Amino acid sequence: MDKILLVIMLILSVLIIVAVMLQPSKQNSAASAFSGGASELFGKSKARGFEAFMQRATAVLGVLWVALAIVLAFLSSK
């Protein structure tokens, strides 16, 4: 049982990495991080389409990963 959960956790880890790498960049250059970043941070633009899907997928995968880590920690303590 532990080995199956560990394999699932490794697969989730790889999927999280892929999901984060596939997310589109929000900045045009490094200079935009210092100038004008606040307008984008506090703007009310919602993600749409592929960007929204990737944000949601990353959040779901992250929650699953944390839950599985807690379950594995609980099982290993017994």
PDB file of N, CA and C in Angstrom:
ATOM      1  N   MET A   1       0.824  -1.201   0.000  1.00  0.00           N
ATOM      2  CA  MET A   1       0.000   0.000   0.000  1.00  0.00           C
ATOM      3  C   MET A   1       0.863   1.257   0.000  1.00  0.00           C
ATOM      4  N   ASP A   2       1.919   1.256   0.842  1.00  0.00           N
ATOM      5  CA  ASP A   2       2.796   2.425   0.912  1.00  0.00           C
ATOM      6  C   ASP A   2       3.504   2.674  -0.412  1.00  0.00           C
ATOM      7  N   LYS A   3       3.922   1.601  -1.046  1.00  0.00           N
ATOM      8  CA  LYS A   3       4.652   1.749  -2.311  1.00  0.00           C
ATOM      9  C   LYS A   3       3.748   2.297  -3.410  1.00  0.00           C
ATOM     10  N   ILE A   4       2.498   1.897  -3.435  1.00  0.00           N
ATOM     11  CA  ILE A   4       1.546   2.405  -4.431  1.00  0.00           C
ATOM     12  C   ILE A   4       1.318   3.903  -4.215  1.00  0.00           C
ATOM     13  N   LEU A   5       1.138   4.296  -2.951  1.00  0.00           N
ATOM     14  CA  LEU A   5       0.927   5.710  -2.656  1.00  0.00           C
ATOM     15  C   LEU A   5       2.170   6.535  -2.974  1.00  0.00           C
ATOM     16  N   LEU A   6       3.341   5.956  -2.747  1.00  0.00           N
ATOM     17  CA  LEU A   6       4.572   6.660  -3.061  1.00  0.00           C
ATOM     18  C   LEU A   6       4.730   6.855  -4.569  1.00  0.00           C
ATOM     19  N   VAL A   7       4.371   5.846  -5.349  1.00  0.00           N
ATOM     20  CA  VAL A   7       4.419   5.973  -6.806  1.00  0.00           C
ATOM     21  C   VAL A   7       3.424   7.029  -7.280  1.00  0.00           C
ATOM     22  N   ILE A   8       2.237   7.043  -6.683  1.00  0.00           N
ATOM     23  CA  ILE A   8       1.236   8.062  -7.043  1.00  0.00           C
ATOM     24  C   ILE A   8       1.766   9.456  -6.695  1.00  0.00           C
ATOM     25  N   MET A   9       2.457   9.578  -5.562  1.00  0.00           N
ATOM     26  CA  MET A   9       3.013  10.869  -5.175  1.00  0.00           C
ATOM     27  C   MET A   9       4.097  11.317  -6.149  1.00  0.00           C
ATOM     28  N   LEU A  10       4.917  10.400  -6.593  1.00  0.00           N
ATOM     29  CA  LEU A  10       5.940  10.751  -7.581  1.00  0.00           C
ATOM     30  C   LEU A  10       5.314  11.196  -8.896  1.00  0.00           C
ATOM     31  N   ILE A  11       4.258  10.519  -9.319  1.00  0.00           N
ATOM     32  CA  ILE A  11       3.563  10.902 -10.549  1.00  0.00           C
ATOM     33  C   ILE A  11       2.937  12.285 -10.393  1.00  0.00           C
ATOM     34  N   LEU A  12       2.319  12.538  -9.233  1.00  0.00           N
ATOM     35  CA  LEU A  12       1.746  13.865  -8.973  1.00  0.00           C
ATOM     36  C   LEU A  12       2.826  14.939  -8.978  1.00  0.00           C
ATOM     37  N   SER A  13       4.000  14.627  -8.448  1.00  0.00           N
ATOM     38  CA  SER A  13       5.093  15.592  -8.427  1.00  0.00           C
ATOM     39  C   SER A  13       5.511  15.982  -9.835  1.00  0.00           C
ATOM     40  N   VAL A  14       5.627  14.998 -10.701  1.00  0.00           N
ATOM     41  CA  VAL A  14       5.990  15.275 -12.094  1.00  0.00           C
ATOM     42  C   VAL A  14       4.889  16.074 -12.777  1.00  0.00           C
ATOM     43  N   LEU A  15       3.632  15.730 -12.513  1.00  0.00           N
ATOM     44  CA  LEU A  15       2.521  16.466 -13.125  1.00  0.00           C
ATOM     45  C   LEU A  15       2.459  17.912 -12.645  1.00  0.00           C
ATOM     46  N   ILE A  16       2.786  18.164 -11.385  1.00  0.00           N
ATOM     47  CA  ILE A  16       2.816  19.534 -10.880  1.00  0.00           C
ATOM     48  C   ILE A  16       3.916  20.329 -11.579  1.00  0.00           C
ATOM     49  N   ILE A  17       5.072  19.716 -11.745  1.00  0.00           N
ATOM     50  CA  ILE A  17       6.168  20.393 -12.434  1.00  0.00           C
ATOM     51  C   ILE A  17       5.763  20.744 -13.859  1.00  0.00           C
ATOM     52  N   VAL A  18       5.141  19.804 -14.554  1.00  0.00           N
ATOM     53  CA  VAL A  18       4.703  20.049 -15.933  1.00  0.00           C
ATOM     54  C   VAL A  18       3.637  21.140 -15.971  1.00  0.00           C
ATOM     55  N   ALA A  19       2.698  21.111 -15.033  1.00  0.00           N
ATOM     56  CA  ALA A  19       1.631  22.116 -15.015  1.00  0.00           C
ATOM     57  C   ALA A  19       2.189  23.510 -14.759  1.00  0.00           C
ATOM     58  N   VAL A  20       3.165  23.619 -13.876  1.00  0.00           N
ATOM     59  CA  VAL A  20       3.764  24.928 -13.601  1.00  0.00           C
ATOM     60  C   VAL A  20       4.555  25.418 -14.808  1.00  0.00           C
ATOM     61  N   MET A  21       5.274  24.519 -15.456  1.00  0.00           N
ATOM     62  CA  MET A  21       6.069  24.927 -16.619  1.00  0.00           C
ATOM     63  C   MET A  21       5.206  25.317 -17.815  1.00  0.00           C
ATOM     64  N   LEU A  22       3.998  24.772 -17.914  1.00  0.00           N
ATOM     65  CA  LEU A  22       3.120  25.093 -19.036  1.00  0.00           C
ATOM     66  C   LEU A  22       2.341  26.386 -18.846  1.00  0.00           C
ATOM     67  N   GLN A  23       2.364  26.946 -17.649  1.00  0.00           N
ATOM     68  CA  GLN A  23       1.618  28.174 -17.424  1.00  0.00           C
ATOM     69  C   GLN A  23       2.264  29.319 -18.177  1.00  0.00           C
ATOM     70  N   PRO A  24       1.445  30.154 -18.818  1.00  0.00           N
ATOM     71  CA  PRO A  24       2.003  31.279 -19.583  1.00  0.00           C
ATOM     72  C   PRO A  24       2.620  32.320 -18.654  1.00  0.00           C
ATOM     73  N   SER A  25       3.632  32.991 -19.159  1.00  0.00           N
ATOM     74  CA  SER A  25       4.319  34.016 -18.397  1.00  0.00           C
ATOM     75  C   SER A  25       3.434  35.250 -18.268  1.00  0.00           C
ATOM     76  N   LYS A  26       3.515  35.924 -17.128  1.00  0.00           N
ATOM     77  CA  LYS A  26       2.707  37.115 -16.914  1.00  0.00           C
ATOM     78  C   LYS A  26       3.515  38.387 -17.067  1.00  0.00           C
ATOM     79  N   GLN A  27       4.817  38.287 -17.212  1.00  0.00           N
ATOM     80  CA  GLN A  27       5.665  39.464 -17.347  1.00  0.00           C
ATOM     81  C   GLN A  27       6.349  39.444 -18.692  1.00  0.00           C
ATOM     82  N   ASN A  28       6.520  40.654 -19.247  1.00  0.00           N
ATOM     83  CA  ASN A  28       7.198  40.764 -20.532  1.00  0.00           C
ATOM     84  C   ASN A  28       8.708  40.725 -20.375  1.00  0.00           C
ATOM     85  N   SER A  29       9.224  41.329 -19.305  1.00  0.00           N
ATOM     86  CA  SER A  29      10.656  41.345 -19.072  1.00  0.00           C
ATOM     87  C   SER A  29      10.925  41.498 -17.586  1.00  0.00           C
ATOM     88  N   ALA A  30      12.194  41.405 -17.229  1.00  0.00           N
ATOM     89  CA  ALA A  30      12.562  41.556 -15.826  1.00  0.00           C
ATOM     90  C   ALA A  30      12.342  42.985 -15.356  1.00  0.00           C
ATOM     91  N   ALA A  31      12.448  43.954 -16.243  1.00  0.00           N
ATOM     92  CA  ALA A  31      12.255  45.358 -15.865  1.00  0.00           C
ATOM     93  C   ALA A  31      10.815  45.647 -15.470  1.00  0.00           C
ATOM     94  N   SER A  32       9.880  44.905 -16.022  1.00  0.00           N
ATOM     95  CA  SER A  32       8.473  45.141 -15.680  1.00  0.00           C
ATOM     96  C   SER A  32       8.153  44.685 -14.266  1.00  0.00           C
ATOM     97  N   ALA A  33       9.024  43.889 -13.662  1.00  0.00           N
ATOM     98  CA  ALA A  33       8.812  43.473 -12.279  1.00  0.00           C
ATOM     99  C   ALA A  33       9.010  44.637 -11.321  1.00  0.00           C
ATOM    100  N   PHE A  34       9.860  45.593 -11.715  1.00  0.00           N
ATOM    101  CA  PHE A  34      10.139  46.739 -10.852  1.00  0.00           C
ATOM    102  C   PHE A  34       9.276  47.947 -11.182  1.00  0.00           C
ATOM    103  N   SER A  35       8.792  48.018 -12.403  1.00  0.00           N
ATOM    104  CA  SER A  35       7.994  49.180 -12.794  1.00  0.00           C
ATOM    105  C   SER A  35       6.645  48.723 -13.325  1.00  0.00           C
ATOM    106  N   GLY A  36       5.601  49.153 -12.681  1.00  0.00           N
ATOM    107  CA  GLY A  36       4.268  48.839 -13.164  1.00  0.00           C
ATOM    108  C   GLY A  36       3.743  47.496 -12.746  1.00  0.00           C
ATOM    109  N   GLY A  37       4.399  46.802 -11.874  1.00  0.00           N
ATOM    110  CA  GLY A  37       3.928  45.497 -11.427  1.00  0.00           C
ATOM    111  C   GLY A  37       2.708  45.590 -10.546  1.00  0.00           C
ATOM    112  N   ALA A  38       2.572  46.699  -9.832  1.00  0.00           N
ATOM    113  CA  ALA A  38       1.439  46.859  -8.923  1.00  0.00           C
ATOM    114  C   ALA A  38       0.124  46.953  -9.676  1.00  0.00           C
ATOM    115  N   SER A  39       0.150  47.544 -10.839  1.00  0.00           N
ATOM    116  CA  SER A  39      -1.094  47.650 -11.604  1.00  0.00           C
ATOM    117  C   SER A  39      -1.595  46.286 -12.049  1.00  0.00           C
ATOM    118  N   GLU A  40      -0.657  45.391 -12.366  1.00  0.00           N
ATOM    119  CA  GLU A  40      -1.066  44.039 -12.736  1.00  0.00           C
ATOM    120  C   GLU A  40      -1.458  43.227 -11.509  1.00  0.00           C
ATOM    121  N   LEU A  41      -0.789  43.476 -10.382  1.00  0.00           N
ATOM    122  CA  LEU A  41      -1.065  42.721  -9.174  1.00  0.00           C
ATOM    123  C   LEU A  41      -2.454  43.016  -8.640  1.00  0.00           C
ATOM    124  N   PHE A  42      -2.826  44.281  -8.647  1.00  0.00           N
ATOM    125  CA  PHE A  42      -4.111  44.669  -8.098  1.00  0.00           C
ATOM    126  C   PHE A  42      -5.188  44.830  -9.167  1.00  0.00           C
ATOM    127  N   GLY A  43      -4.873  44.500 -10.400  1.00  0.00           N
ATOM    128  CA  GLY A  43      -5.863  44.573 -11.469  1.00  0.00           C
ATOM    129  C   GLY A  43      -6.912  43.494 -11.311  1.00  0.00           C
ATOM    130  N   LYS A  44      -8.026  43.695 -11.960  1.00  0.00           N
ATOM    131  CA  LYS A  44      -9.128  42.739 -11.805  1.00  0.00           C
ATOM    132  C   LYS A  44      -9.313  41.876 -13.045  1.00  0.00           C
ATOM    133  N   SER A  45      -8.231  41.563 -13.729  1.00  0.00           N
ATOM    134  CA  SER A  45      -8.358  40.714 -14.906  1.00  0.00           C
ATOM    135  C   SER A  45      -8.374  39.254 -14.469  1.00  0.00           C
ATOM    136  N   LYS A  46      -9.380  38.533 -14.915  1.00  0.00           N
ATOM    137  CA  LYS A  46      -9.490  37.111 -14.591  1.00  0.00           C
ATOM    138  C   LYS A  46      -8.824  36.299 -15.688  1.00  0.00           C
ATOM    139  N   ALA A  47      -8.253  35.205 -15.275  1.00  0.00           N
ATOM    140  CA  ALA A  47      -7.650  34.295 -16.242  1.00  0.00           C
ATOM    141  C   ALA A  47      -8.758  33.602 -17.033  1.00  0.00           C
ATOM    142  N   ARG A  48      -8.519  33.424 -18.306  1.00  0.00           N
ATOM    143  CA  ARG A  48      -9.517  32.785 -19.169  1.00  0.00           C
ATOM    144  C   ARG A  48      -8.846  31.710 -20.013  1.00  0.00           C
ATOM    145  N   GLY A  49      -9.639  30.756 -20.416  1.00  0.00           N
ATOM    146  CA  GLY A  49      -9.168  29.733 -21.340  1.00  0.00           C
ATOM    147  C   GLY A  49      -8.096  28.843 -20.748  1.00  0.00           C
ATOM    148  N   PHE A  50      -7.006  28.709 -21.506  1.00  0.00           N
ATOM    149  CA  PHE A  50      -5.921  27.807 -21.129  1.00  0.00           C
ATOM    150  C   PHE A  50      -5.277  28.224 -19.813  1.00  0.00           C
ATOM    151  N   GLU A  51      -5.110  29.525 -19.613  1.00  0.00           N
ATOM    152  CA  GLU A  51      -4.486  30.017 -18.383  1.00  0.00           C
ATOM    153  C   GLU A  51      -5.311  29.655 -17.152  1.00  0.00           C
ATOM    154  N   ALA A  52      -6.617  29.805 -17.246  1.00  0.00           N
ATOM    155  CA  ALA A  52      -7.497  29.453 -16.124  1.00  0.00           C
ATOM    156  C   ALA A  52      -7.458  27.952 -15.865  1.00  0.00           C
ATOM    157  N   PHE A  53      -7.445  27.166 -16.926  1.00  0.00           N
ATOM    158  CA  PHE A  53      -7.376  25.715 -16.774  1.00  0.00           C
ATOM    159  C   PHE A  53      -6.082  25.299 -16.085  1.00  0.00           C
ATOM    160  N   MET A  54      -4.964  25.892 -16.485  1.00  0.00           N
ATOM    161  CA  MET A  54      -3.679  25.529 -15.900  1.00  0.00           C
ATOM    162  C   MET A  54      -3.589  25.960 -14.439  1.00  0.00           C
ATOM    163  N   GLN A  55      -4.150  27.117 -14.101  1.00  0.00           N
ATOM    164  CA  GLN A  55      -4.166  27.550 -12.700  1.00  0.00           C
ATOM    165  C   GLN A  55      -4.980  26.588 -11.851  1.00  0.00           C
ATOM    166  N   ARG A  56      -6.141  26.209 -12.355  1.00  0.00           N
ATOM    167  CA  ARG A  56      -7.011  25.285 -11.625  1.00  0.00           C
ATOM    168  C   ARG A  56      -6.360  23.904 -11.500  1.00  0.00           C
ATOM    169  N   ALA A  57      -5.756  23.435 -12.576  1.00  0.00           N
ATOM    170  CA  ALA A  57      -5.104  22.120 -12.558  1.00  0.00           C
ATOM    171  C   ALA A  57      -3.935  22.111 -11.576  1.00  0.00           C
ATOM    172  N   THR A  58      -3.163  23.187 -11.545  1.00  0.00           N
ATOM    173  CA  THR A  58      -2.037  23.271 -10.611  1.00  0.00           C
ATOM    174  C   THR A  58      -2.533  23.275  -9.171  1.00  0.00           C
ATOM    175  N   ALA A  59      -3.597  24.005  -8.910  1.00  0.00           N
ATOM    176  CA  ALA A  59      -4.148  24.058  -7.547  1.00  0.00           C
ATOM    177  C   ALA A  59      -4.673  22.691  -7.118  1.00  0.00           C
ATOM    178  N   VAL A  60      -5.378  22.009  -7.996  1.00  0.00           N
ATOM    179  CA  VAL A  60      -5.926  20.688  -7.663  1.00  0.00           C
ATOM    180  C   VAL A  60      -4.803  19.684  -7.440  1.00  0.00           C
ATOM    181  N   LEU A  61      -3.803  19.702  -8.312  1.00  0.00           N
ATOM    182  CA  LEU A  61      -2.676  18.785  -8.147  1.00  0.00           C
ATOM    183  C   LEU A  61      -1.922  19.075  -6.852  1.00  0.00           C
ATOM    184  N   GLY A  62      -1.784  20.348  -6.506  1.00  0.00           N
ATOM    185  CA  GLY A  62      -1.111  20.707  -5.266  1.00  0.00           C
ATOM    186  C   GLY A  62      -1.860  20.227  -4.039  1.00  0.00           C
ATOM    187  N   VAL A  63      -3.172  20.378  -4.051  1.00  0.00           N
ATOM    188  CA  VAL A  63      -3.985  19.908  -2.922  1.00  0.00           C
ATOM    189  C   VAL A  63      -3.900  18.383  -2.802  1.00  0.00           C
ATOM    190  N   LEU A  64      -3.971  17.691  -3.928  1.00  0.00           N
ATOM    191  CA  LEU A  64      -3.845  16.228  -3.904  1.00  0.00           C
ATOM    192  C   LEU A  64      -2.479  15.798  -3.385  1.00  0.00           C
ATOM    193  N   TRP A  65      -1.425  16.514  -3.785  1.00  0.00           N
ATOM    194  CA  TRP A  65      -0.079  16.180  -3.345  1.00  0.00           C
ATOM    195  C   TRP A  65       0.067  16.346  -1.838  1.00  0.00           C
ATOM    196  N   VAL A  66      -0.450  17.449  -1.308  1.00  0.00           N
ATOM    197  CA  VAL A  66      -0.366  17.689   0.139  1.00  0.00           C
ATOM    198  C   VAL A  66      -1.178  16.641   0.902  1.00  0.00           C
ATOM    199  N   ALA A  67      -2.372  16.325   0.432  1.00  0.00           N
ATOM    200  CA  ALA A  67      -3.204  15.321   1.095  1.00  0.00           C
ATOM    201  C   ALA A  67      -2.509  13.964   1.092  1.00  0.00           C
ATOM    202  N   LEU A  68      -1.905  13.609  -0.025  1.00  0.00           N
ATOM    203  CA  LEU A  68      -1.195  12.340  -0.113  1.00  0.00           C
ATOM    204  C   LEU A  68       0.039  12.331   0.788  1.00  0.00           C
ATOM    205  N   ALA A  69       0.713  13.467   0.905  1.00  0.00           N
ATOM    206  CA  ALA A  69       1.865  13.555   1.803  1.00  0.00           C
ATOM    207  C   ALA A  69       1.440  13.347   3.254  1.00  0.00           C
ATOM    208  N   ILE A  70       0.299  13.907   3.631  1.00  0.00           N
ATOM    209  CA  ILE A  70      -0.210  13.728   4.991  1.00  0.00           C
ATOM    210  C   ILE A  70      -0.572  12.260   5.234  1.00  0.00           C
ATOM    211  N   VAL A  71      -1.212  11.627   4.259  1.00  0.00           N
ATOM    212  CA  VAL A  71      -1.578  10.222   4.395  1.00  0.00           C
ATOM    213  C   VAL A  71      -0.328   9.354   4.515  1.00  0.00           C
ATOM    214  N   LEU A  72       0.688   9.635   3.689  1.00  0.00           N
ATOM    215  CA  LEU A  72       1.928   8.855   3.770  1.00  0.00           C
ATOM    216  C   LEU A  72       2.633   9.064   5.105  1.00  0.00           C
ATOM    217  N   ALA A  73       2.614  10.276   5.620  1.00  0.00           N
ATOM    218  CA  ALA A  73       3.230  10.537   6.925  1.00  0.00           C
ATOM    219  C   ALA A  73       2.482   9.798   8.029  1.00  0.00           C
ATOM    220  N   PHE A  74       1.170   9.778   7.939  1.00  0.00           N
ATOM    221  CA  PHE A  74       0.359   9.054   8.927  1.00  0.00           C
ATOM    222  C   PHE A  74       0.631   7.560   8.868  1.00  0.00           C
ATOM    223  N   LEU A  75       0.700   7.006   7.655  1.00  0.00           N
ATOM    224  CA  LEU A  75       0.953   5.572   7.512  1.00  0.00           C
ATOM    225  C   LEU A  75       2.359   5.184   7.939  1.00  0.00           C
ATOM    226  N   SER A  76       3.317   6.052   7.731  1.00  0.00           N
ATOM    227  CA  SER A  76       4.692   5.717   8.099  1.00  0.00           C
ATOM    228  C   SER A  76       4.919   5.817   9.611  1.00  0.00           C
ATOM    229  N   SER A  77       4.039   6.526  10.305  1.00  0.00           N
ATOM    230  CA  SER A  77       4.202   6.650  11.756  1.00  0.00           C
ATOM    231  C   SER A  77       3.699   5.414  12.496  1.00  0.00           C
ATOM    232  N   LYS A  78       2.960   4.576  11.811  1.00  0.00           N
ATOM    233  CA  LYS A  78       2.418   3.367  12.443  1.00  0.00           C
ATOM    234  C   LYS A  78       3.353   2.204  12.286  1.00  0.00           C
TER     235      LYS A  78
END
